[in-house]
Amino acid sequence: MSTDQLPETVKAVRDGWQWTCQSGAVVSGLLAAVAAQLLVFFKPDSSFDPNINTQGGAKGFLLGACYAALFLNISATISSFILIDNLGEIGFRASCHAEKLEGLTRDVGQHVTNQDKLLVDFGASSGLLTFYSGILALIIAVLTYVMMQESLALKIVMGLIVGFTLLPTTIFIFVRPIFD
């Protein structure tokens, strides 16, 4: 293998993450559309039980969560495209001879790292954070609506389900890197 070609393992990692980013961009785009639809649904007072005060802070919080979900998911979509572009540079950067390009560019030549650090080095941190935050804002918006509208039993069940579904993701994104 010439020094201008990436090892197969590196190609597989790069291709896998590019595919993941493409999927993430699609999911983020769809979630932004869902947030926009929820915003349209939650905006009028007719979407709420007439006995609920919609002029208070709960409705404002609900709309704020929808707006946050909309913008965070749009940002996550854009971040995914940027990361796809950055990951495409791995082959170019690896084939460059650092001594010939000294002062012209950065991060060329050999790059020794693990898979997670590679993603951080190529800009995945902000994209993953906005992706997770956009999902979280959407879940918070729906849960807020449930808390405003539904019976106590459903509020408790939905709260437990949300906690149960968010726990593994939160551990994977925020806790696991601390111990790696």
N, C-alpha and C. Protein backbone atom coordinates (compact mmCIF):
# COMPACT_ATOMS: atom_id res chain seq x y z
N MET A 1 0.85 -1.17 0.00
CA MET A 1 0.00 0.00 0.00
C MET A 1 0.90 1.24 0.00
N SER A 2 0.57 2.18 -0.88
CA SER A 2 1.37 3.40 -0.92
C SER A 2 1.01 4.27 0.28
N THR A 3 1.85 5.23 0.56
CA THR A 3 1.61 6.11 1.70
C THR A 3 0.47 7.09 1.42
N ASP A 4 0.00 7.16 0.17
CA ASP A 4 -1.09 8.07 -0.18
C ASP A 4 -2.47 7.44 0.04
N GLN A 5 -2.52 6.17 0.44
CA GLN A 5 -3.80 5.51 0.63
C GLN A 5 -4.03 5.25 2.12
N LEU A 6 -5.29 5.37 2.50
CA LEU A 6 -5.65 5.09 3.88
C LEU A 6 -5.72 3.59 4.11
N PRO A 7 -5.37 3.14 5.30
CA PRO A 7 -5.58 1.73 5.63
C PRO A 7 -7.08 1.39 5.58
N GLU A 8 -7.40 0.15 5.29
CA GLU A 8 -8.79 -0.27 5.16
C GLU A 8 -9.59 0.00 6.44
N THR A 9 -8.97 -0.18 7.59
CA THR A 9 -9.67 0.07 8.85
C THR A 9 -10.07 1.53 8.95
N VAL A 10 -9.18 2.42 8.60
CA VAL A 10 -9.47 3.86 8.67
C VAL A 10 -10.57 4.20 7.66
N LYS A 11 -10.51 3.62 6.47
CA LYS A 11 -11.56 3.85 5.48
C LYS A 11 -12.92 3.38 6.01
N ALA A 12 -12.93 2.23 6.64
CA ALA A 12 -14.18 1.69 7.17
C ALA A 12 -14.75 2.59 8.26
N VAL A 13 -13.88 3.08 9.15
CA VAL A 13 -14.33 3.99 10.21
C VAL A 13 -14.86 5.28 9.60
N ARG A 14 -14.12 5.85 8.67
CA ARG A 14 -14.54 7.09 8.01
C ARG A 14 -15.87 6.90 7.30
N ASP A 15 -15.99 5.84 6.52
CA ASP A 15 -17.22 5.59 5.76
C ASP A 15 -18.40 5.34 6.69
N GLY A 16 -18.14 4.63 7.79
CA GLY A 16 -19.21 4.38 8.76
C GLY A 16 -19.71 5.66 9.39
N TRP A 17 -18.78 6.54 9.76
CA TRP A 17 -19.20 7.79 10.37
C TRP A 17 -19.85 8.72 9.36
N GLN A 18 -19.40 8.68 8.10
CA GLN A 18 -20.07 9.50 7.09
C GLN A 18 -21.50 9.03 6.89
N TRP A 19 -21.71 7.72 6.88
CA TRP A 19 -23.07 7.19 6.74
C TRP A 19 -23.91 7.59 7.95
N THR A 20 -23.33 7.50 9.14
CA THR A 20 -24.04 7.90 10.36
C THR A 20 -24.41 9.38 10.30
N CYS A 21 -23.51 10.21 9.82
CA CYS A 21 -23.79 11.65 9.72
C CYS A 21 -24.88 11.93 8.70
N GLN A 22 -24.87 11.19 7.58
CA GLN A 22 -25.94 11.36 6.60
C GLN A 22 -27.29 11.00 7.20
N SER A 23 -27.31 9.89 7.93
CA SER A 23 -28.55 9.48 8.60
C SER A 23 -28.96 10.51 9.65
N GLY A 24 -27.99 11.01 10.40
CA GLY A 24 -28.27 12.04 11.40
C GLY A 24 -28.82 13.31 10.78
N ALA A 25 -28.31 13.67 9.61
CA ALA A 25 -28.83 14.86 8.93
C ALA A 25 -30.29 14.67 8.55
N VAL A 26 -30.63 13.49 8.05
CA VAL A 26 -32.02 13.20 7.68
C VAL A 26 -32.91 13.23 8.92
N VAL A 27 -32.47 12.56 9.98
CA VAL A 27 -33.27 12.51 11.21
C VAL A 27 -33.44 13.92 11.78
N SER A 28 -32.38 14.70 11.82
CA SER A 28 -32.47 16.06 12.35
C SER A 28 -33.43 16.90 11.52
N GLY A 29 -33.37 16.75 10.21
CA GLY A 29 -34.29 17.48 9.34
C GLY A 29 -35.74 17.10 9.62
N LEU A 30 -35.98 15.81 9.80
CA LEU A 30 -37.34 15.35 10.12
C LEU A 30 -37.79 15.86 11.48
N LEU A 31 -36.89 15.84 12.46
CA LEU A 31 -37.24 16.34 13.79
C LEU A 31 -37.51 17.85 13.77
N ALA A 32 -36.80 18.59 12.92
CA ALA A 32 -37.08 20.02 12.77
C ALA A 32 -38.48 20.21 12.21
N ALA A 33 -38.86 19.36 11.26
CA ALA A 33 -40.21 19.44 10.70
C ALA A 33 -41.27 19.10 11.76
N VAL A 34 -40.99 18.10 12.57
CA VAL A 34 -41.91 17.74 13.66
C VAL A 34 -42.04 18.91 14.64
N ALA A 35 -40.92 19.53 14.98
CA ALA A 35 -40.96 20.67 15.91
C ALA A 35 -41.78 21.81 15.32
N ALA A 36 -41.64 22.06 14.04
CA ALA A 36 -42.43 23.11 13.39
C ALA A 36 -43.92 22.78 13.43
N GLN A 37 -44.25 21.52 13.18
CA GLN A 37 -45.66 21.11 13.23
C GLN A 37 -46.22 21.24 14.65
N LEU A 38 -45.43 20.82 15.64
CA LEU A 38 -45.88 20.96 17.03
C LEU A 38 -46.06 22.43 17.40
N LEU A 39 -45.20 23.27 16.90
CA LEU A 39 -45.30 24.70 17.17
C LEU A 39 -46.63 25.25 16.64
N VAL A 40 -46.99 24.83 15.43
CA VAL A 40 -48.26 25.25 14.84
C VAL A 40 -49.43 24.72 15.67
N PHE A 41 -49.31 23.49 16.16
CA PHE A 41 -50.38 22.90 16.97
C PHE A 41 -50.49 23.55 18.34
N PHE A 42 -49.35 23.81 18.99
CA PHE A 42 -49.36 24.33 20.35
C PHE A 42 -49.65 25.83 20.43
N LYS A 43 -49.47 26.56 19.37
CA LYS A 43 -49.61 28.01 19.40
C LYS A 43 -51.04 28.47 19.74
N PRO A 44 -52.09 27.97 19.10
CA PRO A 44 -53.43 28.47 19.43
C PRO A 44 -53.95 27.91 20.77
N ASP A 45 -54.71 28.72 21.46
CA ASP A 45 -55.28 28.29 22.74
C ASP A 45 -56.28 27.16 22.58
N SER A 46 -56.83 26.99 21.39
CA SER A 46 -57.82 25.94 21.16
C SER A 46 -57.23 24.53 21.26
N SER A 47 -55.91 24.41 21.28
CA SER A 47 -55.25 23.11 21.41
C SER A 47 -55.21 22.63 22.86
N PHE A 48 -55.67 23.46 23.77
CA PHE A 48 -55.58 23.15 25.19
C PHE A 48 -56.97 23.01 25.80
N ASP A 49 -57.02 22.29 26.88
CA ASP A 49 -58.25 22.16 27.67
C ASP A 49 -58.68 23.57 28.09
N PRO A 50 -59.96 23.89 27.93
CA PRO A 50 -60.41 25.25 28.29
C PRO A 50 -60.21 25.61 29.77
N ASN A 51 -60.05 24.61 30.61
CA ASN A 51 -59.85 24.87 32.04
C ASN A 51 -58.40 25.23 32.39
N ILE A 52 -57.51 25.15 31.41
CA ILE A 52 -56.09 25.44 31.64
C ILE A 52 -55.79 26.88 31.26
N ASN A 53 -55.08 27.57 32.14
CA ASN A 53 -54.67 28.94 31.86
C ASN A 53 -53.51 28.91 30.87
N THR A 54 -53.79 29.31 29.64
CA THR A 54 -52.75 29.28 28.60
C THR A 54 -51.96 30.59 28.55
N GLN A 55 -52.27 31.53 29.41
CA GLN A 55 -51.54 32.79 29.44
C GLN A 55 -50.33 32.72 30.37
N GLY A 56 -50.21 31.62 31.12
CA GLY A 56 -49.14 31.49 32.11
C GLY A 56 -47.83 31.04 31.49
N GLY A 57 -46.91 30.73 32.38
CA GLY A 57 -45.57 30.37 31.97
C GLY A 57 -45.44 29.00 31.32
N ALA A 58 -46.36 28.08 31.61
CA ALA A 58 -46.25 26.73 31.06
C ALA A 58 -46.35 26.74 29.54
N LYS A 59 -47.30 27.51 29.00
CA LYS A 59 -47.44 27.56 27.54
C LYS A 59 -46.21 28.26 26.93
N GLY A 60 -45.74 29.29 27.57
CA GLY A 60 -44.53 29.96 27.07
C GLY A 60 -43.33 29.02 27.08
N PHE A 61 -43.21 28.23 28.13
CA PHE A 61 -42.13 27.23 28.20
C PHE A 61 -42.28 26.20 27.09
N LEU A 62 -43.51 25.76 26.87
CA LEU A 62 -43.80 24.79 25.81
C LEU A 62 -43.41 25.34 24.44
N LEU A 63 -43.81 26.55 24.15
CA LEU A 63 -43.45 27.16 22.86
C LEU A 63 -41.94 27.37 22.75
N GLY A 64 -41.32 27.77 23.86
CA GLY A 64 -39.86 27.94 23.86
C GLY A 64 -39.15 26.63 23.57
N ALA A 65 -39.63 25.53 24.15
CA ALA A 65 -39.04 24.22 23.88
C ALA A 65 -39.21 23.84 22.41
N CYS A 66 -40.36 24.17 21.83
CA CYS A 66 -40.57 23.88 20.40
C CYS A 66 -39.62 24.70 19.51
N TYR A 67 -39.50 25.98 19.82
CA TYR A 67 -38.56 26.82 19.06
C TYR A 67 -37.14 26.30 19.21
N ALA A 68 -36.76 25.95 20.43
CA ALA A 68 -35.41 25.41 20.66
C ALA A 68 -35.20 24.13 19.86
N ALA A 69 -36.19 23.24 19.88
CA ALA A 69 -36.08 21.99 19.12
C ALA A 69 -35.94 22.27 17.63
N LEU A 70 -36.70 23.23 17.14
CA LEU A 70 -36.63 23.59 15.72
C LEU A 70 -35.23 24.06 15.35
N PHE A 71 -34.71 25.03 16.09
CA PHE A 71 -33.41 25.60 15.74
C PHE A 71 -32.25 24.65 16.03
N LEU A 72 -32.33 23.91 17.12
CA LEU A 72 -31.26 22.94 17.41
C LEU A 72 -31.20 21.83 16.37
N ASN A 73 -32.35 21.37 15.90
CA ASN A 73 -32.35 20.32 14.88
C ASN A 73 -31.89 20.84 13.52
N ILE A 74 -32.21 22.09 13.21
CA ILE A 74 -31.67 22.69 11.99
C ILE A 74 -30.15 22.78 12.10
N SER A 75 -29.67 23.22 13.26
CA SER A 75 -28.22 23.31 13.49
C SER A 75 -27.56 21.94 13.40
N ALA A 76 -28.21 20.91 13.96
CA ALA A 76 -27.65 19.56 13.90
C ALA A 76 -27.57 19.06 12.46
N THR A 77 -28.56 19.41 11.65
CA THR A 77 -28.53 19.03 10.23
C THR A 77 -27.33 19.66 9.53
N ILE A 78 -27.15 20.95 9.75
CA ILE A 78 -26.01 21.65 9.14
C ILE A 78 -24.69 21.10 9.67
N SER A 79 -24.61 20.84 10.98
CA SER A 79 -23.39 20.29 11.56
C SER A 79 -23.06 18.92 10.96
N SER A 80 -24.08 18.13 10.68
CA SER A 80 -23.85 16.81 10.06
C SER A 80 -23.22 16.97 8.68
N PHE A 81 -23.71 17.92 7.90
CA PHE A 81 -23.13 18.15 6.58
C PHE A 81 -21.68 18.62 6.68
N ILE A 82 -21.41 19.49 7.65
CA ILE A 82 -20.04 19.97 7.85
C ILE A 82 -19.13 18.82 8.26
N LEU A 83 -19.59 17.96 9.16
CA LEU A 83 -18.79 16.82 9.59
C LEU A 83 -18.54 15.85 8.44
N ILE A 84 -19.54 15.63 7.61
CA ILE A 84 -19.35 14.76 6.43
C ILE A 84 -18.23 15.32 5.56
N ASP A 85 -18.27 16.64 5.35
CA ASP A 85 -17.23 17.28 4.55
C ASP A 85 -15.86 17.15 5.22
N ASN A 86 -15.80 17.38 6.53
CA ASN A 86 -14.52 17.26 7.25
C ASN A 86 -13.98 15.83 7.20
N LEU A 87 -14.85 14.84 7.37
CA LEU A 87 -14.39 13.45 7.33
C LEU A 87 -13.87 13.08 5.94
N GLY A 88 -14.41 13.72 4.92
CA GLY A 88 -13.92 13.49 3.56
C GLY A 88 -12.48 13.95 3.36
N GLU A 89 -12.00 14.80 4.23
CA GLU A 89 -10.62 15.30 4.14
C GLU A 89 -9.59 14.36 4.75
N ILE A 90 -10.03 13.30 5.40
CA ILE A 90 -9.08 12.41 6.07
C ILE A 90 -8.05 11.87 5.09
N GLY A 91 -8.49 11.40 3.95
CA GLY A 91 -7.55 10.87 2.95
C GLY A 91 -6.57 11.91 2.46
N PHE A 92 -7.06 13.12 2.19
CA PHE A 92 -6.18 14.19 1.74
C PHE A 92 -5.15 14.54 2.79
N ARG A 93 -5.61 14.72 4.02
CA ARG A 93 -4.69 15.09 5.10
C ARG A 93 -3.64 14.01 5.35
N ALA A 94 -4.07 12.75 5.23
CA ALA A 94 -3.13 11.65 5.46
C ALA A 94 -2.08 11.55 4.36
N SER A 95 -2.44 11.94 3.14
CA SER A 95 -1.50 11.80 2.03
C SER A 95 -0.53 12.97 1.91
N CYS A 96 -0.82 14.05 2.61
CA CYS A 96 0.06 15.22 2.54
C CYS A 96 1.35 14.97 3.32
N HIS A 97 2.39 15.54 2.84
CA HIS A 97 3.67 15.48 3.54
C HIS A 97 3.82 16.78 4.32
N ALA A 98 3.77 16.67 5.63
CA ALA A 98 3.74 17.84 6.50
C ALA A 98 4.92 18.78 6.26
N GLU A 99 6.08 18.20 6.02
CA GLU A 99 7.26 19.06 5.85
C GLU A 99 7.16 19.93 4.59
N LYS A 100 6.44 19.48 3.56
CA LYS A 100 6.29 20.27 2.33
C LYS A 100 5.22 21.35 2.48
N LEU A 101 4.30 21.15 3.41
CA LEU A 101 3.19 22.09 3.58
C LEU A 101 3.31 22.92 4.85
N GLU A 102 4.48 22.91 5.46
CA GLU A 102 4.68 23.62 6.72
C GLU A 102 4.24 25.07 6.58
N GLY A 103 3.36 25.49 7.48
CA GLY A 103 2.87 26.86 7.47
C GLY A 103 1.70 27.11 6.54
N LEU A 104 1.43 26.22 5.62
CA LEU A 104 0.32 26.41 4.69
C LEU A 104 -1.00 25.84 5.21
N THR A 105 -0.93 24.77 5.93
CA THR A 105 -2.13 24.12 6.44
C THR A 105 -1.81 23.43 7.75
N ARG A 106 -2.80 22.92 8.41
CA ARG A 106 -2.58 22.24 9.68
C ARG A 106 -3.10 20.81 9.59
N ASP A 107 -2.71 20.00 10.54
CA ASP A 107 -3.23 18.63 10.66
C ASP A 107 -3.06 17.81 9.39
N VAL A 108 -1.83 17.72 8.91
CA VAL A 108 -1.57 16.87 7.76
C VAL A 108 -0.61 15.76 8.17
N GLY A 109 -0.54 14.73 7.35
CA GLY A 109 0.36 13.63 7.63
C GLY A 109 -0.27 12.61 8.54
N GLN A 110 0.55 11.95 9.33
CA GLN A 110 0.09 10.88 10.21
C GLN A 110 -0.72 11.45 11.38
N HIS A 111 -1.81 10.78 11.69
CA HIS A 111 -2.70 11.21 12.77
C HIS A 111 -3.01 9.99 13.61
N VAL A 112 -2.41 9.91 14.79
CA VAL A 112 -2.59 8.74 15.66
C VAL A 112 -3.61 9.09 16.73
N THR A 113 -4.72 8.33 16.76
CA THR A 113 -5.79 8.61 17.70
C THR A 113 -6.74 7.42 17.77
N ASN A 114 -7.71 7.49 18.67
CA ASN A 114 -8.76 6.48 18.68
C ASN A 114 -9.96 7.03 17.90
N GLN A 115 -10.97 6.18 17.73
CA GLN A 115 -12.11 6.55 16.90
C GLN A 115 -12.89 7.74 17.46
N ASP A 116 -13.12 7.78 18.75
CA ASP A 116 -13.86 8.88 19.34
C ASP A 116 -13.10 10.20 19.22
N LYS A 117 -11.80 10.16 19.48
CA LYS A 117 -10.98 11.38 19.39
C LYS A 117 -10.91 11.86 17.94
N LEU A 118 -10.91 10.93 16.99
CA LEU A 118 -10.91 11.30 15.57
C LEU A 118 -12.14 12.15 15.25
N LEU A 119 -13.28 11.73 15.77
CA LEU A 119 -14.50 12.49 15.52
C LEU A 119 -14.43 13.88 16.14
N VAL A 120 -13.90 13.96 17.35
CA VAL A 120 -13.75 15.26 18.00
C VAL A 120 -12.79 16.14 17.19
N ASP A 121 -11.69 15.55 16.73
CA ASP A 121 -10.70 16.30 15.96
C ASP A 121 -11.27 16.84 14.66
N PHE A 122 -12.27 16.16 14.11
CA PHE A 122 -12.87 16.59 12.85
C PHE A 122 -14.19 17.32 13.06
N GLY A 123 -14.52 17.69 14.30
CA GLY A 123 -15.63 18.58 14.57
C GLY A 123 -16.94 17.95 14.97
N ALA A 124 -16.94 16.72 15.48
CA ALA A 124 -18.20 16.04 15.80
C ALA A 124 -18.81 16.50 17.11
N SER A 125 -18.05 17.11 17.99
CA SER A 125 -18.56 17.45 19.32
C SER A 125 -19.79 18.35 19.26
N SER A 126 -19.69 19.45 18.52
CA SER A 126 -20.81 20.39 18.48
C SER A 126 -22.01 19.78 17.77
N GLY A 127 -21.77 19.00 16.74
CA GLY A 127 -22.87 18.37 16.01
C GLY A 127 -23.63 17.39 16.88
N LEU A 128 -22.91 16.59 17.63
CA LEU A 128 -23.56 15.62 18.51
C LEU A 128 -24.31 16.31 19.64
N LEU A 129 -23.74 17.37 20.15
CA LEU A 129 -24.40 18.12 21.22
C LEU A 129 -25.69 18.77 20.73
N THR A 130 -25.68 19.39 19.55
CA THR A 130 -26.91 20.00 19.02
C THR A 130 -27.93 18.93 18.64
N PHE A 131 -27.47 17.80 18.14
CA PHE A 131 -28.38 16.71 17.79
C PHE A 131 -29.12 16.22 19.04
N TYR A 132 -28.36 15.93 20.08
CA TYR A 132 -28.96 15.45 21.33
C TYR A 132 -29.84 16.53 21.96
N SER A 133 -29.38 17.76 21.95
CA SER A 133 -30.15 18.85 22.55
C SER A 133 -31.46 19.09 21.80
N GLY A 134 -31.43 18.96 20.48
CA GLY A 134 -32.65 19.11 19.69
C GLY A 134 -33.66 18.04 20.01
N ILE A 135 -33.19 16.81 20.14
CA ILE A 135 -34.08 15.71 20.52
C ILE A 135 -34.64 15.95 21.92
N LEU A 136 -33.77 16.34 22.83
CA LEU A 136 -34.17 16.60 24.21
C LEU A 136 -35.22 17.71 24.28
N ALA A 137 -35.02 18.79 23.53
CA ALA A 137 -35.99 19.90 23.53
C ALA A 137 -37.34 19.44 23.00
N LEU A 138 -37.34 18.58 21.99
CA LEU A 138 -38.59 18.07 21.45
C LEU A 138 -39.31 17.18 22.47
N ILE A 139 -38.55 16.34 23.14
CA ILE A 139 -39.14 15.47 24.18
C ILE A 139 -39.68 16.32 25.32
N ILE A 140 -38.95 17.34 25.71
CA ILE A 140 -39.40 18.23 26.79
C ILE A 140 -40.70 18.94 26.38
N ALA A 141 -40.80 19.36 25.12
CA ALA A 141 -42.01 20.02 24.66
C ALA A 141 -43.22 19.09 24.76
N VAL A 142 -43.06 17.87 24.27
CA VAL A 142 -44.18 16.92 24.32
C VAL A 142 -44.52 16.57 25.77
N LEU A 143 -43.50 16.36 26.59
CA LEU A 143 -43.75 16.04 28.00
C LEU A 143 -44.43 17.21 28.72
N THR A 144 -44.06 18.42 28.37
CA THR A 144 -44.71 19.60 28.96
C THR A 144 -46.20 19.62 28.59
N TYR A 145 -46.49 19.32 27.35
CA TYR A 145 -47.90 19.28 26.92
C TYR A 145 -48.66 18.20 27.70
N VAL A 146 -48.03 17.05 27.86
CA VAL A 146 -48.66 15.97 28.64
C VAL A 146 -48.92 16.45 30.06
N MET A 147 -47.95 17.12 30.67
CA MET A 147 -48.09 17.60 32.04
C MET A 147 -49.20 18.64 32.16
N MET A 148 -49.42 19.40 31.10
CA MET A 148 -50.46 20.42 31.13
C MET A 148 -51.85 19.84 30.90
N GLN A 149 -51.95 18.76 30.15
CA GLN A 149 -53.24 18.31 29.65
C GLN A 149 -53.77 17.01 30.25
N GLU A 150 -52.91 16.11 30.61
CA GLU A 150 -53.34 14.73 30.87
C GLU A 150 -53.57 14.45 32.36
N SER A 151 -54.10 13.26 32.61
CA SER A 151 -54.38 12.82 33.98
C SER A 151 -53.08 12.56 34.74
N LEU A 152 -53.18 12.50 36.04
CA LEU A 152 -52.01 12.27 36.89
C LEU A 152 -51.33 10.94 36.55
N ALA A 153 -52.11 9.90 36.34
CA ALA A 153 -51.53 8.59 36.01
C ALA A 153 -50.72 8.65 34.73
N LEU A 154 -51.25 9.31 33.70
CA LEU A 154 -50.53 9.42 32.43
C LEU A 154 -49.28 10.30 32.58
N LYS A 155 -49.38 11.33 33.38
CA LYS A 155 -48.22 12.19 33.63
C LYS A 155 -47.08 11.37 34.25
N ILE A 156 -47.41 10.54 35.23
CA ILE A 156 -46.40 9.72 35.90
C ILE A 156 -45.79 8.70 34.94
N VAL A 157 -46.65 8.02 34.19
CA VAL A 157 -46.16 7.00 33.24
C VAL A 157 -45.27 7.63 32.18
N MET A 158 -45.70 8.75 31.62
CA MET A 158 -44.90 9.41 30.58
C MET A 158 -43.58 9.94 31.14
N GLY A 159 -43.61 10.46 32.36
CA GLY A 159 -42.37 10.92 33.00
C GLY A 159 -41.38 9.78 33.18
N LEU A 160 -41.88 8.63 33.62
CA LEU A 160 -41.01 7.46 33.79
C LEU A 160 -40.46 6.97 32.45
N ILE A 161 -41.31 6.95 31.43
CA ILE A 161 -40.87 6.50 30.10
C ILE A 161 -39.80 7.44 29.55
N VAL A 162 -40.00 8.73 29.70
CA VAL A 162 -39.00 9.69 29.22
C VAL A 162 -37.67 9.48 29.96
N GLY A 163 -37.75 9.35 31.29
CA GLY A 163 -36.52 9.10 32.06
C GLY A 163 -35.83 7.81 31.64
N PHE A 164 -36.61 6.77 31.42
CA PHE A 164 -36.06 5.47 31.01
C PHE A 164 -35.41 5.54 29.63
N THR A 165 -36.00 6.30 28.70
CA THR A 165 -35.44 6.38 27.36
C THR A 165 -34.23 7.31 27.28
N LEU A 166 -34.21 8.34 28.11
CA LEU A 166 -33.09 9.29 28.05
C LEU A 166 -31.86 8.84 28.82
N LEU A 167 -32.03 7.99 29.81
CA LEU A 167 -30.91 7.56 30.65
C LEU A 167 -29.78 6.90 29.84
N PRO A 168 -30.04 5.89 29.01
CA PRO A 168 -28.94 5.26 28.27
C PRO A 168 -28.22 6.23 27.33
N THR A 169 -28.99 7.09 26.67
CA THR A 169 -28.39 8.04 25.75
C THR A 169 -27.52 9.04 26.50
N THR A 170 -28.01 9.52 27.61
CA THR A 170 -27.25 10.47 28.41
C THR A 170 -25.95 9.85 28.91
N ILE A 171 -26.02 8.62 29.36
CA ILE A 171 -24.81 7.92 29.81
C ILE A 171 -23.83 7.76 28.64
N PHE A 172 -24.34 7.37 27.48
CA PHE A 172 -23.48 7.15 26.31
C PHE A 172 -22.78 8.45 25.87
N ILE A 173 -23.52 9.54 25.88
CA ILE A 173 -22.97 10.79 25.36
C ILE A 173 -22.12 11.53 26.39
N PHE A 174 -22.58 11.56 27.65
CA PHE A 174 -21.91 12.41 28.62
C PHE A 174 -21.05 11.67 29.65
N VAL A 175 -21.46 10.50 30.07
CA VAL A 175 -20.73 9.80 31.13
C VAL A 175 -19.64 8.90 30.56
N ARG A 176 -19.92 8.15 29.51
CA ARG A 176 -18.95 7.21 28.95
C ARG A 176 -17.63 7.89 28.56
N PRO A 177 -17.66 9.07 27.92
CA PRO A 177 -16.39 9.70 27.56
C PRO A 177 -15.50 10.04 28.76
N ILE A 178 -16.09 10.25 29.92
CA ILE A 178 -15.30 10.56 31.11
C ILE A 178 -14.42 9.38 31.49
N PHE A 179 -14.92 8.15 31.30
CA PHE A 179 -14.21 6.97 31.70
C PHE A 179 -13.36 6.34 30.60
N ASP A 180 -13.45 6.89 29.39
CA ASP A 180 -12.62 6.37 28.28
C ASP A 180 -11.22 6.92 28.32
